[in-house]
Amino acid sequence: MRISEILKKKKTFSFEVFPPKPQNSKVGDIFGTLDALQQYKPDFISVTFKSTGDYADDTIKIASYIHKNTTAEPLVHLTCGALSKTDVERVARVLEEEKLENVLALRGDRPADYVGDYLKHFHHASDLMEFLRQKHDFCLAGACYAEGHIECDSLYQDLVNLKIKQDMGAEFFITQLFYDNNYYYRLVRAAKKMGITVPLIPGIMPLISATMFSKIMNMAGATIPFELRVLFDRFREDKKAMYEIGIAYSVTQILELLANDADGIHIYTMNNARVAGDIYERINNVIEKELR
């Protein structure tokens, strides 16, 4: 089923997973995680795609497993920055053969160690959407940024780009991670004024370790609220406490988002079914009431 059709009837509850690196584990190792996630009844599960196109077949294998073995709809990421039009067309044909009809179209950031002409064929995610629409009938989704894309000079310019994505066929958006809900509320208000009418689903990534905290600070550009930073500074050497703080904060974020009529909840699981389960078990009654 097209995820856009689900969103016409209800708000969604969903997860994200990623293909394991071949040097660390086999693609089949994630199937147990997917089986565990299934008990929380997600509407869809998104599967990431390496920005260089490596392991694309693993992304498709995981999405196909979701399609054939769970009740969730798979959402396949397709990152175009390093891909040629021939590469994208090959992936698109395989997706159709596997009956995978939901695609999250992304540009992707250039990896630090990438050698070659990045963005040679597709400069923006909207270019990818336009290309896919010419020959294929996917349900297209896009990414958005609660605090604005780090490469944009202003939120207004970011919203202009978001409107272009909608015009190119995006039927819903999922935000990158954020930790201050006020940025999401501002995004929703500003997007409506810009003429963006499709759902904007907030993406939540639990900060459950000092390592994750450092990565978010250095890479994602997301604002860490003062109250969360204080907790992390106090307990960063205590792994169990850090895990509890991360789960508790995500739960509070989700409850507030649902109380303020967010279009759904998308949890970045980092392939950790325990994280998703601990969040779900704490607020399952709210989730069942608001997202079913």
C-alpha atoms as a PDB file:
ATOM      1  CA  MET A   1       0.000   0.000   0.000  1.00  0.00           C
ATOM      2  CA  ARG A   2       1.100   3.539  -0.671  1.00  0.00           C
ATOM      3  CA  ILE A   3       1.952   5.300   2.585  1.00  0.00           C
ATOM      4  CA  SER A   4       0.159   8.399   1.314  1.00  0.00           C
ATOM      5  CA  GLU A   5      -3.067   6.379   1.350  1.00  0.00           C
ATOM      6  CA  ILE A   6      -2.512   5.434   4.994  1.00  0.00           C
ATOM      7  CA  LEU A   7      -1.901   9.097   5.859  1.00  0.00           C
ATOM      8  CA  LYS A   8      -5.243  10.055   4.330  1.00  0.00           C
ATOM      9  CA  LYS A   9      -6.937   7.886   6.959  1.00  0.00           C
ATOM     10  CA  LYS A  10      -4.762   8.300  10.064  1.00  0.00           C
ATOM     11  CA  LYS A  11      -1.514   9.495  11.557  1.00  0.00           C
ATOM     12  CA  THR A  12       1.358   7.043  11.296  1.00  0.00           C
ATOM     13  CA  PHE A  13       3.714   5.302  13.697  1.00  0.00           C
ATOM     14  CA  SER A  14       6.958   4.196  12.059  1.00  0.00           C
ATOM     15  CA  PHE A  15      10.599   3.220  12.444  1.00  0.00           C
ATOM     16  CA  GLU A  16      13.869   3.569  10.538  1.00  0.00           C
ATOM     17  CA  VAL A  17      16.558   0.897  10.165  1.00  0.00           C
ATOM     18  CA  PHE A  18      19.755   0.741   8.135  1.00  0.00           C
ATOM     19  CA  PRO A  19      21.691  -2.043   6.369  1.00  0.00           C
ATOM     20  CA  PRO A  20      24.541  -3.322   8.539  1.00  0.00           C
ATOM     21  CA  LYS A  21      28.035  -2.743   7.223  1.00  0.00           C
ATOM     22  CA  PRO A  22      29.259  -5.927   5.519  1.00  0.00           C
ATOM     23  CA  GLN A  23      32.460  -5.948   7.552  1.00  0.00           C
ATOM     24  CA  ASN A  24      30.443  -6.009  10.780  1.00  0.00           C
ATOM     25  CA  SER A  25      27.548  -8.354  10.056  1.00  0.00           C
ATOM     26  CA  LYS A  26      25.409  -9.878   7.325  1.00  0.00           C
ATOM     27  CA  VAL A  27      22.263  -8.293   5.970  1.00  0.00           C
ATOM     28  CA  GLY A  28      20.202 -11.184   7.321  1.00  0.00           C
ATOM     29  CA  ASP A  29      21.224 -10.281  10.864  1.00  0.00           C
ATOM     30  CA  ILE A  30      18.753  -7.404  10.834  1.00  0.00           C
ATOM     31  CA  PHE A  31      15.775  -9.633  10.109  1.00  0.00           C
ATOM     32  CA  GLY A  32      15.485 -10.519  13.795  1.00  0.00           C
ATOM     33  CA  THR A  33      15.329  -6.807  14.620  1.00  0.00           C
ATOM     34  CA  LEU A  34      12.523  -6.350  12.089  1.00  0.00           C
ATOM     35  CA  ASP A  35      10.625  -9.275  13.587  1.00  0.00           C
ATOM     36  CA  ALA A  36      10.964  -7.674  17.025  1.00  0.00           C
ATOM     37  CA  LEU A  37       9.816  -4.269  15.761  1.00  0.00           C
ATOM     38  CA  GLN A  38       6.743  -5.830  14.216  1.00  0.00           C
ATOM     39  CA  GLN A  39       5.117  -6.370  17.631  1.00  0.00           C
ATOM     40  CA  TYR A  40       4.776  -2.583  17.986  1.00  0.00           C
ATOM     41  CA  LYS A  41       2.599  -2.462  14.869  1.00  0.00           C
ATOM     42  CA  PRO A  42       4.415   0.190  12.813  1.00  0.00           C
ATOM     43  CA  ASP A  43       2.601   1.509   9.766  1.00  0.00           C
ATOM     44  CA  PHE A  44       5.867   1.607   7.851  1.00  0.00           C
ATOM     45  CA  ILE A  45       9.575   0.964   8.306  1.00  0.00           C
ATOM     46  CA  SER A  46      12.082   3.005   6.320  1.00  0.00           C
ATOM     47  CA  VAL A  47      15.403   1.543   5.180  1.00  0.00           C
ATOM     48  CA  THR A  48      18.374   3.817   4.583  1.00  0.00           C
ATOM     49  CA  PHE A  49      20.515   3.920   1.442  1.00  0.00           C
ATOM     50  CA  LYS A  50      24.236   4.725   1.518  1.00  0.00           C
ATOM     51  CA  SER A  51      24.880   8.079  -0.143  1.00  0.00           C
ATOM     52  CA  THR A  52      27.435   6.544  -2.530  1.00  0.00           C
ATOM     53  CA  GLY A  53      25.065   3.786  -3.579  1.00  0.00           C
ATOM     54  CA  ASP A  54      27.129   1.035  -1.926  1.00  0.00           C
ATOM     55  CA  TYR A  55      25.050  -1.783  -0.451  1.00  0.00           C
ATOM     56  CA  ALA A  56      21.995  -0.696  -2.471  1.00  0.00           C
ATOM     57  CA  ASP A  57      21.093  -4.340  -2.932  1.00  0.00           C
ATOM     58  CA  ASP A  58      21.108  -4.795   0.864  1.00  0.00           C
ATOM     59  CA  THR A  59      18.651  -1.909   1.232  1.00  0.00           C
ATOM     60  CA  ILE A  60      16.345  -3.610  -1.244  1.00  0.00           C
ATOM     61  CA  LYS A  61      16.731  -7.017   0.439  1.00  0.00           C
ATOM     62  CA  ILE A  62      15.722  -5.535   3.791  1.00  0.00           C
ATOM     63  CA  ALA A  63      12.778  -3.665   2.285  1.00  0.00           C
ATOM     64  CA  SER A  64      11.644  -6.838   0.508  1.00  0.00           C
ATOM     65  CA  TYR A  65      11.791  -8.742   3.798  1.00  0.00           C
ATOM     66  CA  ILE A  66       9.576  -6.090   5.408  1.00  0.00           C
ATOM     67  CA  HIS A  67       7.139  -6.324   2.496  1.00  0.00           C
ATOM     68  CA  LYS A  68       6.924 -10.121   2.573  1.00  0.00           C
ATOM     69  CA  ASN A  69       7.203 -10.903   6.276  1.00  0.00           C
ATOM     70  CA  THR A  70       5.596  -8.057   8.225  1.00  0.00           C
ATOM     71  CA  THR A  71       2.410  -6.015   8.118  1.00  0.00           C
ATOM     72  CA  ALA A  72       4.408  -2.757   7.841  1.00  0.00           C
ATOM     73  CA  GLU A  73       4.911  -0.972   4.545  1.00  0.00           C
ATOM     74  CA  PRO A  74       8.577  -0.592   3.512  1.00  0.00           C
ATOM     75  CA  LEU A  75       9.846   2.885   2.655  1.00  0.00           C
ATOM     76  CA  VAL A  76      13.032   2.650   0.593  1.00  0.00           C
ATOM     77  CA  HIS A  77      15.508   5.519   0.822  1.00  0.00           C
ATOM     78  CA  LEU A  78      17.087   6.429  -2.509  1.00  0.00           C
ATOM     79  CA  THR A  79      20.039   8.814  -2.256  1.00  0.00           C
ATOM     80  CA  CYS A  80      21.085  10.227  -5.623  1.00  0.00           C
ATOM     81  CA  GLY A  81      24.140  12.429  -5.007  1.00  0.00           C
ATOM     82  CA  ALA A  82      26.704   9.957  -6.324  1.00  0.00           C
ATOM     83  CA  LEU A  83      24.427   8.108  -8.770  1.00  0.00           C
ATOM     84  CA  SER A  84      24.012   8.453 -12.502  1.00  0.00           C
ATOM     85  CA  LYS A  85      20.614   8.373 -14.167  1.00  0.00           C
ATOM     86  CA  THR A  86      21.400   4.837 -15.292  1.00  0.00           C
ATOM     87  CA  ASP A  87      22.098   3.829 -11.686  1.00  0.00           C
ATOM     88  CA  VAL A  88      18.813   5.316 -10.482  1.00  0.00           C
ATOM     89  CA  GLU A  89      16.873   3.663 -13.289  1.00  0.00           C
ATOM     90  CA  ARG A  90      18.364   0.275 -12.392  1.00  0.00           C
ATOM     91  CA  VAL A  91      17.344   0.669  -8.756  1.00  0.00           C
ATOM     92  CA  ALA A  92      13.873   1.866  -9.741  1.00  0.00           C
ATOM     93  CA  ARG A  93      13.295  -1.183 -11.947  1.00  0.00           C
ATOM     94  CA  VAL A  94      14.339  -3.543  -9.155  1.00  0.00           C
ATOM     95  CA  LEU A  95      12.005  -1.768  -6.736  1.00  0.00           C
ATOM     96  CA  GLU A  96       9.135  -2.282  -9.147  1.00  0.00           C
ATOM     97  CA  GLU A  97      10.013  -5.945  -9.604  1.00  0.00           C
ATOM     98  CA  GLU A  98       9.965  -6.372  -5.819  1.00  0.00           C
ATOM     99  CA  LYS A  99       6.661  -4.470  -5.582  1.00  0.00           C
ATOM    100  CA  LEU A 100       8.233  -1.780  -3.394  1.00  0.00           C
ATOM    101  CA  GLU A 101       6.209   1.326  -4.158  1.00  0.00           C
ATOM    102  CA  ASN A 102       7.255   3.820  -1.451  1.00  0.00           C
ATOM    103  CA  VAL A 103      10.468   5.804  -2.001  1.00  0.00           C
ATOM    104  CA  LEU A 104      12.086   8.474   0.174  1.00  0.00           C
ATOM    105  CA  ALA A 105      13.982  10.561  -2.399  1.00  0.00           C
ATOM    106  CA  LEU A 106      17.127  12.190  -1.023  1.00  0.00           C
ATOM    107  CA  ARG A 107      20.130  14.064  -2.347  1.00  0.00           C
ATOM    108  CA  GLY A 108      22.482  12.933   0.389  1.00  0.00           C
ATOM    109  CA  ASP A 109      25.583  14.597   1.768  1.00  0.00           C
ATOM    110  CA  ARG A 110      28.969  14.041   0.186  1.00  0.00           C
ATOM    111  CA  PRO A 111      30.980  11.607   2.335  1.00  0.00           C
ATOM    112  CA  ALA A 112      34.257  13.030   3.591  1.00  0.00           C
ATOM    113  CA  ASP A 113      36.246  10.248   1.887  1.00  0.00           C
ATOM    114  CA  TYR A 114      34.325  10.316  -1.415  1.00  0.00           C
ATOM    115  CA  VAL A 115      36.492  10.555  -4.525  1.00  0.00           C
ATOM    116  CA  GLY A 116      34.723  11.675  -7.682  1.00  0.00           C
ATOM    117  CA  ASP A 117      32.272  14.198  -9.064  1.00  0.00           C
ATOM    118  CA  TYR A 118      29.479  14.320  -6.492  1.00  0.00           C
ATOM    119  CA  LEU A 119      26.113  15.744  -7.630  1.00  0.00           C
ATOM    120  CA  LYS A 120      27.114  15.320 -11.282  1.00  0.00           C
ATOM    121  CA  HIS A 121      23.693  14.088 -12.401  1.00  0.00           C
ATOM    122  CA  PHE A 122      21.297  15.169  -9.627  1.00  0.00           C
ATOM    123  CA  HIS A 123      21.822  18.407  -7.731  1.00  0.00           C
ATOM    124  CA  HIS A 124      18.725  18.204  -5.530  1.00  0.00           C
ATOM    125  CA  ALA A 125      16.272  15.645  -4.219  1.00  0.00           C
ATOM    126  CA  SER A 126      13.608  17.391  -6.281  1.00  0.00           C
ATOM    127  CA  ASP A 127      15.632  16.521  -9.419  1.00  0.00           C
ATOM    128  CA  LEU A 128      15.483  12.873  -8.412  1.00  0.00           C
ATOM    129  CA  MET A 129      11.731  13.103  -7.828  1.00  0.00           C
ATOM    130  CA  GLU A 130      11.199  14.668 -11.235  1.00  0.00           C
ATOM    131  CA  PHE A 131      13.287  11.951 -12.896  1.00  0.00           C
ATOM    132  CA  LEU A 132      11.414   9.128 -11.143  1.00  0.00           C
ATOM    133  CA  ARG A 133       8.017  10.572 -12.042  1.00  0.00           C
ATOM    134  CA  GLN A 134       8.834  10.453 -15.753  1.00  0.00           C
ATOM    135  CA  LYS A 135       8.804   6.649 -15.931  1.00  0.00           C
ATOM    136  CA  HIS A 136       7.563   5.315 -12.616  1.00  0.00           C
ATOM    137  CA  ASP A 137       4.605   5.512 -10.254  1.00  0.00           C
ATOM    138  CA  PHE A 138       6.128   5.508  -6.782  1.00  0.00           C
ATOM    139  CA  CYS A 139       4.679   7.102  -3.669  1.00  0.00           C
ATOM    140  CA  LEU A 140       7.383   9.715  -3.128  1.00  0.00           C
ATOM    141  CA  ALA A 141       8.444  11.111   0.227  1.00  0.00           C
ATOM    142  CA  GLY A 142      11.005  13.770   1.086  1.00  0.00           C
ATOM    143  CA  ALA A 143      13.133  14.918   3.986  1.00  0.00           C
ATOM    144  CA  CYS A 144      12.640  18.193   5.835  1.00  0.00           C
ATOM    145  CA  TYR A 145      14.474  19.977   8.609  1.00  0.00           C
ATOM    146  CA  ALA A 146      12.850  21.389  11.716  1.00  0.00           C
ATOM    147  CA  GLU A 147      15.677  23.887  12.170  1.00  0.00           C
ATOM    148  CA  GLY A 148      16.269  24.425   8.445  1.00  0.00           C
ATOM    149  CA  HIS A 149      18.839  22.669   6.259  1.00  0.00           C
ATOM    150  CA  ILE A 150      22.369  23.415   7.367  1.00  0.00           C
ATOM    151  CA  GLU A 151      23.286  24.562   3.815  1.00  0.00           C
ATOM    152  CA  CYS A 152      20.420  27.065   3.561  1.00  0.00           C
ATOM    153  CA  ASP A 153      20.944  30.684   4.567  1.00  0.00           C
ATOM    154  CA  SER A 154      17.412  30.989   5.947  1.00  0.00           C
ATOM    155  CA  LEU A 155      14.374  28.967   6.898  1.00  0.00           C
ATOM    156  CA  TYR A 156      12.491  30.755   4.113  1.00  0.00           C
ATOM    157  CA  GLN A 157      14.885  29.419   1.449  1.00  0.00           C
ATOM    158  CA  ASP A 158      14.604  25.943   2.937  1.00  0.00           C
ATOM    159  CA  LEU A 159      10.820  26.168   2.725  1.00  0.00           C
ATOM    160  CA  VAL A 160      11.038  27.297  -0.902  1.00  0.00           C
ATOM    161  CA  ASN A 161      12.994  24.110  -1.606  1.00  0.00           C
ATOM    162  CA  LEU A 162      10.446  22.076   0.352  1.00  0.00           C
ATOM    163  CA  LYS A 163       7.630  23.487  -1.763  1.00  0.00           C
ATOM    164  CA  ILE A 164       9.556  22.500  -4.901  1.00  0.00           C
ATOM    165  CA  LYS A 165       9.767  18.938  -3.580  1.00  0.00           C
ATOM    166  CA  GLN A 166       6.011  18.921  -3.042  1.00  0.00           C
ATOM    167  CA  ASP A 167       5.484  20.248  -6.559  1.00  0.00           C
ATOM    168  CA  MET A 168       7.746  17.473  -7.880  1.00  0.00           C
ATOM    169  CA  GLY A 169       5.550  14.831  -6.274  1.00  0.00           C
ATOM    170  CA  ALA A 170       6.440  14.471  -2.590  1.00  0.00           C
ATOM    171  CA  GLU A 171       3.320  13.193  -0.832  1.00  0.00           C
ATOM    172  CA  PHE A 172       4.684  13.492   2.703  1.00  0.00           C
ATOM    173  CA  PHE A 173       7.846  14.550   4.508  1.00  0.00           C
ATOM    174  CA  ILE A 174       9.817  13.156   7.438  1.00  0.00           C
ATOM    175  CA  THR A 175      11.932  15.528   9.498  1.00  0.00           C
ATOM    176  CA  GLN A 176      15.523  14.971  10.393  1.00  0.00           C
ATOM    177  CA  LEU A 177      16.144  14.605  14.116  1.00  0.00           C
ATOM    178  CA  PHE A 178      15.491  17.491  16.501  1.00  0.00           C
ATOM    179  CA  TYR A 179      15.315  17.856  20.269  1.00  0.00           C
ATOM    180  CA  ASP A 180      13.364  21.071  20.727  1.00  0.00           C
ATOM    181  CA  ASN A 181       9.755  20.585  19.621  1.00  0.00           C
ATOM    182  CA  ASN A 182       9.284  24.306  19.149  1.00  0.00           C
ATOM    183  CA  TYR A 183      11.328  24.091  15.950  1.00  0.00           C
ATOM    184  CA  TYR A 184       8.901  21.489  14.594  1.00  0.00           C
ATOM    185  CA  TYR A 185       5.877  23.627  15.461  1.00  0.00           C
ATOM    186  CA  ARG A 186       7.498  26.606  13.737  1.00  0.00           C
ATOM    187  CA  LEU A 187       8.192  24.464  10.671  1.00  0.00           C
ATOM    188  CA  VAL A 188       4.570  23.343  10.453  1.00  0.00           C
ATOM    189  CA  ARG A 189       3.244  26.903  10.735  1.00  0.00           C
ATOM    190  CA  ALA A 190       5.704  28.292   8.185  1.00  0.00           C
ATOM    191  CA  ALA A 191       5.166  25.390   5.768  1.00  0.00           C
ATOM    192  CA  LYS A 192       1.412  25.978   5.714  1.00  0.00           C
ATOM    193  CA  LYS A 193       1.981  29.645   4.872  1.00  0.00           C
ATOM    194  CA  MET A 194       4.263  28.525   2.030  1.00  0.00           C
ATOM    195  CA  GLY A 195       1.491  26.359   0.582  1.00  0.00           C
ATOM    196  CA  ILE A 196       2.821  23.011   1.739  1.00  0.00           C
ATOM    197  CA  THR A 197      -0.195  20.829   2.370  1.00  0.00           C
ATOM    198  CA  VAL A 198       1.207  17.310   2.754  1.00  0.00           C
ATOM    199  CA  PRO A 199       1.955  15.722   6.174  1.00  0.00           C
ATOM    200  CA  LEU A 200       5.179  16.611   8.001  1.00  0.00           C
ATOM    201  CA  ILE A 201       6.059  13.631  10.197  1.00  0.00           C
ATOM    202  CA  PRO A 202       8.472  14.377  13.053  1.00  0.00           C
ATOM    203  CA  GLY A 203      11.553  12.144  13.268  1.00  0.00           C
ATOM    204  CA  ILE A 204      12.784  11.270  16.758  1.00  0.00           C
ATOM    205  CA  MET A 205      16.237   9.879  17.529  1.00  0.00           C
ATOM    206  CA  PRO A 206      16.726   8.900  21.191  1.00  0.00           C
ATOM    207  CA  LEU A 207      20.068  10.102  22.575  1.00  0.00           C
ATOM    208  CA  ILE A 208      20.985   7.085  24.685  1.00  0.00           C
ATOM    209  CA  SER A 209      24.762   7.383  25.052  1.00  0.00           C
ATOM    210  CA  ALA A 210      27.563   9.903  25.422  1.00  0.00           C
ATOM    211  CA  THR A 211      28.913   8.740  22.053  1.00  0.00           C
ATOM    212  CA  MET A 212      25.647   9.530  20.296  1.00  0.00           C
ATOM    213  CA  PHE A 213      25.504  12.898  22.051  1.00  0.00           C
ATOM    214  CA  SER A 214      28.954  13.815  20.730  1.00  0.00           C
ATOM    215  CA  LYS A 215      28.071  12.743  17.182  1.00  0.00           C
ATOM    216  CA  ILE A 216      24.875  14.784  17.182  1.00  0.00           C
ATOM    217  CA  MET A 217      26.727  17.825  18.457  1.00  0.00           C
ATOM    218  CA  ASN A 218      29.446  17.492  15.806  1.00  0.00           C
ATOM    219  CA  MET A 219      27.454  16.386  12.773  1.00  0.00           C
ATOM    220  CA  ALA A 220      23.712  16.913  12.832  1.00  0.00           C
ATOM    221  CA  GLY A 221      23.542  20.581  13.735  1.00  0.00           C
ATOM    222  CA  ALA A 222      20.541  20.008  15.986  1.00  0.00           C
ATOM    223  CA  THR A 223      20.051  22.263  18.994  1.00  0.00           C
ATOM    224  CA  ILE A 224      20.409  20.421  22.309  1.00  0.00           C
ATOM    225  CA  PRO A 225      18.049  22.028  24.866  1.00  0.00           C
ATOM    226  CA  PHE A 226      19.686  23.274  28.035  1.00  0.00           C
ATOM    227  CA  GLU A 227      17.807  20.862  30.297  1.00  0.00           C
ATOM    228  CA  LEU A 228      18.958  17.845  28.262  1.00  0.00           C
ATOM    229  CA  ARG A 229      22.554  19.092  28.053  1.00  0.00           C
ATOM    230  CA  VAL A 230      22.642  19.491  31.856  1.00  0.00           C
ATOM    231  CA  LEU A 231      21.521  15.900  32.344  1.00  0.00           C
ATOM    232  CA  PHE A 232      24.093  14.585  29.903  1.00  0.00           C
ATOM    233  CA  ASP A 233      26.896  16.614  31.463  1.00  0.00           C
ATOM    234  CA  ARG A 234      25.973  15.209  34.879  1.00  0.00           C
ATOM    235  CA  PHE A 235      25.569  11.536  33.920  1.00  0.00           C
ATOM    236  CA  ARG A 236      27.710  11.069  30.792  1.00  0.00           C
ATOM    237  CA  GLU A 237      29.969   8.495  32.497  1.00  0.00           C
ATOM    238  CA  ASP A 238      27.008   6.354  33.608  1.00  0.00           C
ATOM    239  CA  LYS A 239      25.832   4.282  30.624  1.00  0.00           C
ATOM    240  CA  LYS A 240      22.661   3.039  32.302  1.00  0.00           C
ATOM    241  CA  ALA A 241      21.669   6.525  33.404  1.00  0.00           C
ATOM    242  CA  MET A 242      22.362   7.914  29.926  1.00  0.00           C
ATOM    243  CA  TYR A 243      20.100   5.284  28.400  1.00  0.00           C
ATOM    244  CA  GLU A 244      17.284   6.089  30.828  1.00  0.00           C
ATOM    245  CA  ILE A 245      17.647   9.825  30.197  1.00  0.00           C
ATOM    246  CA  GLY A 246      17.557   9.348  26.427  1.00  0.00           C
ATOM    247  CA  ILE A 247      14.449   7.171  26.530  1.00  0.00           C
ATOM    248  CA  ALA A 248      12.674   9.447  29.011  1.00  0.00           C
ATOM    249  CA  TYR A 249      13.388  12.556  26.928  1.00  0.00           C
ATOM    250  CA  SER A 250      12.146  10.924  23.719  1.00  0.00           C
ATOM    251  CA  VAL A 251       8.979   9.814  25.491  1.00  0.00           C
ATOM    252  CA  THR A 252       8.354  13.381  26.657  1.00  0.00           C
ATOM    253  CA  GLN A 253       9.020  14.711  23.148  1.00  0.00           C
ATOM    254  CA  ILE A 254       6.597  12.255  21.580  1.00  0.00           C
ATOM    255  CA  LEU A 255       3.838  12.879  24.122  1.00  0.00           C
ATOM    256  CA  GLU A 256       4.059  16.626  23.564  1.00  0.00           C
ATOM    257  CA  LEU A 257       4.111  16.229  19.776  1.00  0.00           C
ATOM    258  CA  LEU A 258       1.018  14.042  19.832  1.00  0.00           C
ATOM    259  CA  ALA A 259      -0.758  16.437  22.193  1.00  0.00           C
ATOM    260  CA  ASN A 260      -0.052  19.179  19.653  1.00  0.00           C
ATOM    261  CA  ASP A 261      -1.479  17.177  16.734  1.00  0.00           C
ATOM    262  CA  ALA A 262       1.721  16.107  14.947  1.00  0.00           C
ATOM    263  CA  ASP A 263       1.137  14.145  11.736  1.00  0.00           C
ATOM    264  CA  GLY A 264       2.681  10.986  13.182  1.00  0.00           C
ATOM    265  CA  ILE A 265       5.835   9.724  14.873  1.00  0.00           C
ATOM    266  CA  HIS A 266       8.906   8.289  13.145  1.00  0.00           C
ATOM    267  CA  ILE A 267      11.583   6.766  15.405  1.00  0.00           C
ATOM    268  CA  TYR A 268      15.193   6.410  14.279  1.00  0.00           C
ATOM    269  CA  THR A 269      15.929   3.072  15.959  1.00  0.00           C
ATOM    270  CA  MET A 270      19.623   2.716  15.032  1.00  0.00           C
ATOM    271  CA  ASN A 271      18.730  -0.971  14.523  1.00  0.00           C
ATOM    272  CA  ASN A 272      18.022  -1.298  18.241  1.00  0.00           C
ATOM    273  CA  ALA A 273      14.620  -2.903  18.815  1.00  0.00           C
ATOM    274  CA  ARG A 274      15.018  -2.463  22.563  1.00  0.00           C
ATOM    275  CA  VAL A 275      15.002   1.334  22.166  1.00  0.00           C
ATOM    276  CA  ALA A 276      11.779   1.237  20.159  1.00  0.00           C
ATOM    277  CA  GLY A 277      10.231  -1.198  22.620  1.00  0.00           C
ATOM    278  CA  ASP A 278      11.151   0.785  25.729  1.00  0.00           C
ATOM    279  CA  ILE A 279       9.599   3.920  24.230  1.00  0.00           C
ATOM    280  CA  TYR A 280       6.479   2.081  23.081  1.00  0.00           C
ATOM    281  CA  GLU A 281       5.886   0.309  26.395  1.00  0.00           C
ATOM    282  CA  ARG A 282       6.001   3.576  28.330  1.00  0.00           C
ATOM    283  CA  ILE A 283       3.337   5.273  26.213  1.00  0.00           C
ATOM    284  CA  ASN A 284       1.559   2.451  24.399  1.00  0.00           C
ATOM    285  CA  ASN A 285      -1.872   3.636  25.555  1.00  0.00           C
ATOM    286  CA  VAL A 286      -1.262   7.082  24.086  1.00  0.00           C
ATOM    287  CA  ILE A 287       0.112   5.617  20.871  1.00  0.00           C
ATOM    288  CA  GLU A 288      -2.860   3.301  20.534  1.00  0.00           C
ATOM    289  CA  LYS A 289      -5.267   6.191  21.091  1.00  0.00           C
ATOM    290  CA  GLU A 290      -3.594   8.750  18.845  1.00  0.00           C
ATOM    291  CA  LEU A 291      -1.990   6.716  16.051  1.00  0.00           C
ATOM    292  CA  ARG A 292      -4.274   3.743  15.446  1.00  0.00           C
END
